[in-house]
Amino acid sequence: MIEIIPAIDIIDGKCVRLSQGDYESKKVYNENPVEVAKEFEACGIRRLHVVDLDGAASRHVVNFRVLERIATRTSLVVDFGGGVKSDEDLRIAFESGAQMVTGGSVAVKDPALFCRWLDKYGSDRIILGADVKERKIAVNGWKDESACELFPFLDDYTDKGVRKVICTDISRDGMLKGPSLELYRDIREKFPDLYLIASGGVGTIDDIVALNEADVSGVIFGKALYEGKITMKGLRAFL
């Protein structure tokens, strides 16, 4: 059964969502992300994806106090990403209560550092972030496209021990028009042992059903919940 992972994206300490990674499209859904996390937990959610969008833009962790409050006031398993670019950022994230940390830009720009983290903390705690646009990796809060092609990138890192990947199709993120099923099917075919977490585009329960049928391991989504397109009642079959 696919793992359900709601997302809380943070700017200025508030729960927000963007469309296609555009910071100008920011919409605030709640001034208090801890309230949102508690609501998820009360409905049976066990896992949470927290993204420090200020951190992603400024290239170092910013909203770690929000992470700390979520981690201490809920029992949710939190994976954290956004701005984790150094040993100090990683230390702050783990000490603030993250059980897992996602590295995206750092895996492109400083592979040696990312691999050191993988060796030190293990593949259960270090997740590879593969944010893609037309199957090329994007970095720095999705503002920059790299020359890295997705499949060689995944090939390289699975050889180095990566077992968990969050793959976000930027073109679909926040658009509520459905996930990139073809992309995820292709990844599953080539990397059957990968714990693949899909992100971007989920707008209905049917989208989650389709990802589950495509043998995707987990799904991250947020806007569909905040906009009422998906309800906790509708998610019960997956929890």
Protein backbone atom coordinates (compact mmCIF):
# COMPACT_ATOMS: atom_id res chain seq x y z
CA MET A 1 0.00 0.00 0.00
CA ILE A 2 1.30 3.46 -0.92
CA GLU A 3 2.52 5.61 1.99
CA ILE A 4 0.55 8.84 2.46
CA ILE A 5 2.80 11.84 3.20
CA PRO A 6 1.19 15.28 3.53
CA ALA A 7 3.48 18.25 2.93
CA ILE A 8 3.92 21.38 4.98
CA ASP A 9 5.88 24.03 3.07
CA ILE A 10 7.14 26.94 5.14
CA ILE A 11 7.83 30.59 4.34
CA ASP A 12 8.20 33.14 7.16
CA GLY A 13 7.15 30.45 9.62
CA LYS A 14 3.78 29.97 7.88
CA CYS A 15 2.22 27.04 6.05
CA VAL A 16 2.11 27.95 2.34
CA ARG A 17 1.90 26.38 -1.10
CA LEU A 18 3.46 27.47 -4.38
CA SER A 19 2.60 26.63 -7.98
CA GLN A 20 5.43 25.18 -10.10
CA GLY A 21 7.94 26.39 -7.52
CA ASP A 22 7.13 30.05 -8.22
CA TYR A 23 7.59 32.05 -5.01
CA GLU A 24 5.42 34.81 -6.43
CA SER A 25 2.48 32.36 -6.45
CA LYS A 26 2.68 31.89 -2.66
CA LYS A 27 -0.61 31.28 -0.88
CA VAL A 28 -0.73 31.16 2.92
CA TYR A 29 -3.01 28.41 4.29
CA ASN A 30 -2.24 28.65 7.99
CA GLU A 31 -0.16 30.98 10.15
CA ASN A 32 0.68 28.05 12.45
CA PRO A 33 2.15 24.91 10.82
CA VAL A 34 2.02 23.06 14.16
CA GLU A 35 -1.80 23.28 14.09
CA VAL A 36 -1.78 21.74 10.61
CA ALA A 37 0.55 18.94 11.71
CA LYS A 38 -1.64 18.17 14.72
CA GLU A 39 -4.74 18.01 12.51
CA PHE A 40 -2.98 15.51 10.22
CA GLU A 41 -1.90 13.41 13.19
CA ALA A 42 -5.42 13.39 14.66
CA CYS A 43 -6.72 11.96 11.38
CA GLY A 44 -4.30 9.03 11.43
CA ILE A 45 -1.37 10.44 9.42
CA ARG A 46 2.00 9.13 10.62
CA ARG A 47 4.48 10.73 8.22
CA LEU A 48 5.07 14.36 7.28
CA HIS A 49 7.18 16.10 4.64
CA VAL A 50 8.37 19.53 5.81
CA VAL A 51 10.03 21.90 3.33
CA ASP A 52 11.86 25.05 4.36
CA LEU A 53 11.21 27.19 1.28
CA ASP A 54 13.10 30.13 2.80
CA GLY A 55 16.01 27.74 3.27
CA ALA A 56 15.81 26.49 -0.30
CA ALA A 57 16.01 30.06 -1.58
CA SER A 58 18.74 31.26 0.81
CA ARG A 59 20.80 28.06 0.62
CA HIS A 60 20.90 27.33 4.34
CA VAL A 61 18.32 26.08 6.84
CA VAL A 62 16.08 28.93 8.07
CA ASN A 63 12.83 27.61 9.58
CA PHE A 64 14.31 25.01 11.94
CA ARG A 65 12.31 26.37 14.90
CA VAL A 66 9.09 25.41 13.12
CA LEU A 67 10.50 21.93 12.53
CA GLU A 68 11.39 21.72 16.22
CA ARG A 69 7.88 22.67 17.32
CA ILE A 70 6.28 20.12 14.99
CA ALA A 71 8.66 17.39 16.16
CA THR A 72 8.16 18.07 19.87
CA ARG A 73 4.39 18.61 19.77
CA THR A 74 3.46 15.64 17.56
CA SER A 75 4.64 12.05 17.18
CA LEU A 76 4.82 12.34 13.39
CA VAL A 77 7.81 10.94 11.53
CA VAL A 78 9.18 14.03 9.81
CA ASP A 79 11.40 14.19 6.78
CA PHE A 80 12.85 17.64 6.21
CA GLY A 81 14.26 19.40 3.17
CA GLY A 82 15.09 22.86 1.90
CA GLY A 83 18.42 24.59 2.39
CA VAL A 84 20.34 21.60 3.74
CA LYS A 85 23.69 22.36 2.14
CA SER A 86 26.32 21.76 4.85
CA ASP A 87 27.21 19.55 7.82
CA GLU A 88 25.92 22.33 10.06
CA ASP A 89 22.56 22.43 8.25
CA LEU A 90 22.25 18.67 8.59
CA ARG A 91 23.12 18.81 12.29
CA ILE A 92 20.50 21.52 12.86
CA ALA A 93 17.83 19.52 11.00
CA PHE A 94 18.44 16.33 12.98
CA GLU A 95 18.77 18.15 16.32
CA SER A 96 15.52 19.98 15.56
CA GLY A 97 13.70 16.67 15.31
CA ALA A 98 13.85 15.50 11.69
CA GLN A 99 14.08 11.72 11.46
CA MET A 100 15.02 11.93 7.79
CA VAL A 101 16.58 14.66 5.67
CA THR A 102 16.19 15.15 1.93
CA GLY A 103 19.14 16.49 -0.06
CA GLY A 104 18.56 17.73 -3.59
CA SER A 105 20.80 20.61 -4.65
CA VAL A 106 23.66 19.35 -2.48
CA ALA A 107 23.55 15.96 -4.23
CA VAL A 108 24.12 17.77 -7.55
CA LYS A 109 26.64 20.37 -6.42
CA ASP A 110 28.60 18.49 -3.76
CA PRO A 111 28.25 14.74 -4.32
CA ALA A 112 31.16 13.96 -1.98
CA LEU A 113 29.39 15.69 0.91
CA PHE A 114 26.08 13.96 0.18
CA CYS A 115 27.80 10.57 0.02
CA ARG A 116 29.52 11.27 3.33
CA TRP A 117 26.10 11.89 4.88
CA LEU A 118 24.82 8.68 3.32
CA ASP A 119 27.72 6.71 4.80
CA LYS A 120 27.39 8.34 8.23
CA TYR A 121 23.61 8.30 8.70
CA GLY A 122 22.52 5.51 6.35
CA SER A 123 20.06 5.20 3.49
CA ASP A 124 17.06 5.13 5.85
CA ARG A 125 17.75 8.67 7.08
CA ILE A 126 19.21 10.37 4.00
CA ILE A 127 16.75 10.74 1.11
CA LEU A 128 17.78 11.81 -2.37
CA GLY A 129 15.71 14.69 -3.73
CA ALA A 130 15.29 14.48 -7.50
CA ASP A 131 13.34 17.56 -8.58
CA VAL A 132 12.87 17.41 -12.32
CA LYS A 133 11.80 19.55 -15.23
CA GLU A 134 11.61 17.70 -18.54
CA ARG A 135 13.61 14.92 -16.84
CA LYS A 136 16.50 17.21 -15.92
CA ILE A 137 17.39 17.94 -12.30
CA ALA A 138 16.60 21.42 -10.94
CA VAL A 139 18.37 23.00 -7.95
CA ASN A 140 18.27 25.99 -5.59
CA GLY A 141 14.57 25.95 -4.82
CA TRP A 142 13.89 24.98 -8.47
CA LYS A 143 15.14 28.33 -9.72
CA ASP A 144 18.03 26.76 -11.65
CA GLU A 145 18.09 23.81 -14.05
CA SER A 146 21.22 21.68 -13.98
CA ALA A 147 22.74 19.67 -16.81
CA CYS A 148 22.02 16.44 -14.90
CA GLU A 149 19.69 14.01 -16.62
CA LEU A 150 17.39 12.19 -14.20
CA PHE A 151 18.17 8.56 -15.02
CA PRO A 152 22.01 8.78 -14.97
CA PHE A 153 21.63 10.80 -11.74
CA LEU A 154 19.54 8.04 -10.13
CA ASP A 155 21.81 5.34 -11.55
CA ASP A 156 24.86 6.96 -9.98
CA TYR A 157 23.29 7.42 -6.57
CA THR A 158 21.67 3.99 -6.32
CA ASP A 159 25.14 2.58 -6.99
CA LYS A 160 26.35 4.70 -4.07
CA GLY A 161 23.74 3.31 -1.72
CA VAL A 162 20.69 5.56 -2.04
CA ARG A 163 17.49 3.63 -1.35
CA LYS A 164 14.89 6.40 -0.98
CA VAL A 165 14.12 9.05 -3.58
CA ILE A 166 11.57 11.87 -3.63
CA CYS A 167 10.94 12.71 -7.28
CA THR A 168 9.01 15.91 -7.94
CA ASP A 169 7.84 16.95 -11.39
CA ILE A 170 8.11 20.74 -11.08
CA SER A 171 5.85 21.41 -14.05
CA ARG A 172 2.99 19.71 -12.19
CA ASP A 173 3.67 20.84 -8.65
CA GLY A 174 0.75 22.73 -7.14
CA MET A 175 -1.27 22.51 -10.36
CA LEU A 176 -3.68 19.76 -9.17
CA LYS A 177 -3.80 18.27 -12.68
CA GLY A 178 -2.44 14.82 -11.94
CA PRO A 179 1.02 13.34 -11.32
CA SER A 180 3.55 12.24 -13.93
CA LEU A 181 2.50 8.60 -14.03
CA GLU A 182 4.61 7.80 -17.07
CA LEU A 183 7.70 9.20 -15.37
CA TYR A 184 7.13 7.16 -12.22
CA ARG A 185 6.37 3.98 -14.17
CA ASP A 186 9.66 4.45 -16.04
CA ILE A 187 11.55 4.92 -12.76
CA ARG A 188 9.91 1.82 -11.23
CA GLU A 189 10.83 -0.24 -14.28
CA LYS A 190 14.48 0.80 -14.20
CA PHE A 191 14.89 0.92 -10.41
CA PRO A 192 12.51 -1.70 -8.96
CA ASP A 193 14.21 -1.77 -5.55
CA LEU A 194 14.03 1.99 -4.98
CA TYR A 195 11.64 3.40 -2.37
CA LEU A 196 10.12 5.89 -4.79
CA ILE A 197 8.11 8.80 -3.40
CA ALA A 198 6.11 10.74 -5.99
CA SER A 199 5.47 14.44 -5.59
CA GLY A 200 3.72 17.04 -7.72
CA GLY A 201 0.34 17.27 -9.37
CA VAL A 202 -1.82 15.15 -7.06
CA GLY A 203 -5.32 16.62 -7.17
CA THR A 204 -7.73 13.77 -6.41
CA ILE A 205 -7.97 10.43 -4.63
CA ASP A 206 -7.95 8.82 -8.08
CA ASP A 207 -4.43 10.18 -8.59
CA ILE A 208 -3.30 8.38 -5.44
CA VAL A 209 -5.05 5.19 -6.55
CA ALA A 210 -3.23 5.41 -9.90
CA LEU A 211 0.15 5.89 -8.20
CA ASN A 212 -0.57 2.95 -5.91
CA GLU A 213 -1.41 0.81 -8.96
CA ALA A 214 1.86 1.96 -10.56
CA ASP A 215 3.66 0.47 -7.51
CA VAL A 216 4.91 3.84 -6.27
CA SER A 217 6.05 3.51 -2.65
CA GLY A 218 4.86 6.85 -1.28
CA VAL A 219 3.14 10.07 -2.31
CA ILE A 220 3.66 13.65 -1.13
CA PHE A 221 0.89 16.16 -1.63
CA GLY A 222 -0.40 19.29 0.05
CA LYS A 223 -2.42 21.70 -2.02
CA ALA A 224 -5.15 19.14 -2.74
CA LEU A 225 -5.67 18.76 1.01
CA TYR A 226 -5.61 22.48 1.74
CA GLU A 227 -8.02 23.20 -1.11
CA GLY A 228 -10.40 20.40 -0.05
CA LYS A 229 -9.91 18.37 -3.25
CA ILE A 230 -8.82 15.44 -1.09
CA THR A 231 -10.31 14.83 2.36
CA MET A 232 -9.03 12.83 5.29
CA LYS A 233 -12.17 10.68 5.02
CA GLY A 234 -11.21 9.87 1.45
CA LEU A 235 -7.73 8.86 2.55
CA ARG A 236 -8.90 6.34 5.15
CA ALA A 237 -8.45 3.37 2.83
CA PHE A 238 -4.73 4.21 2.63
CA LEU A 239 -4.08 4.88 6.32
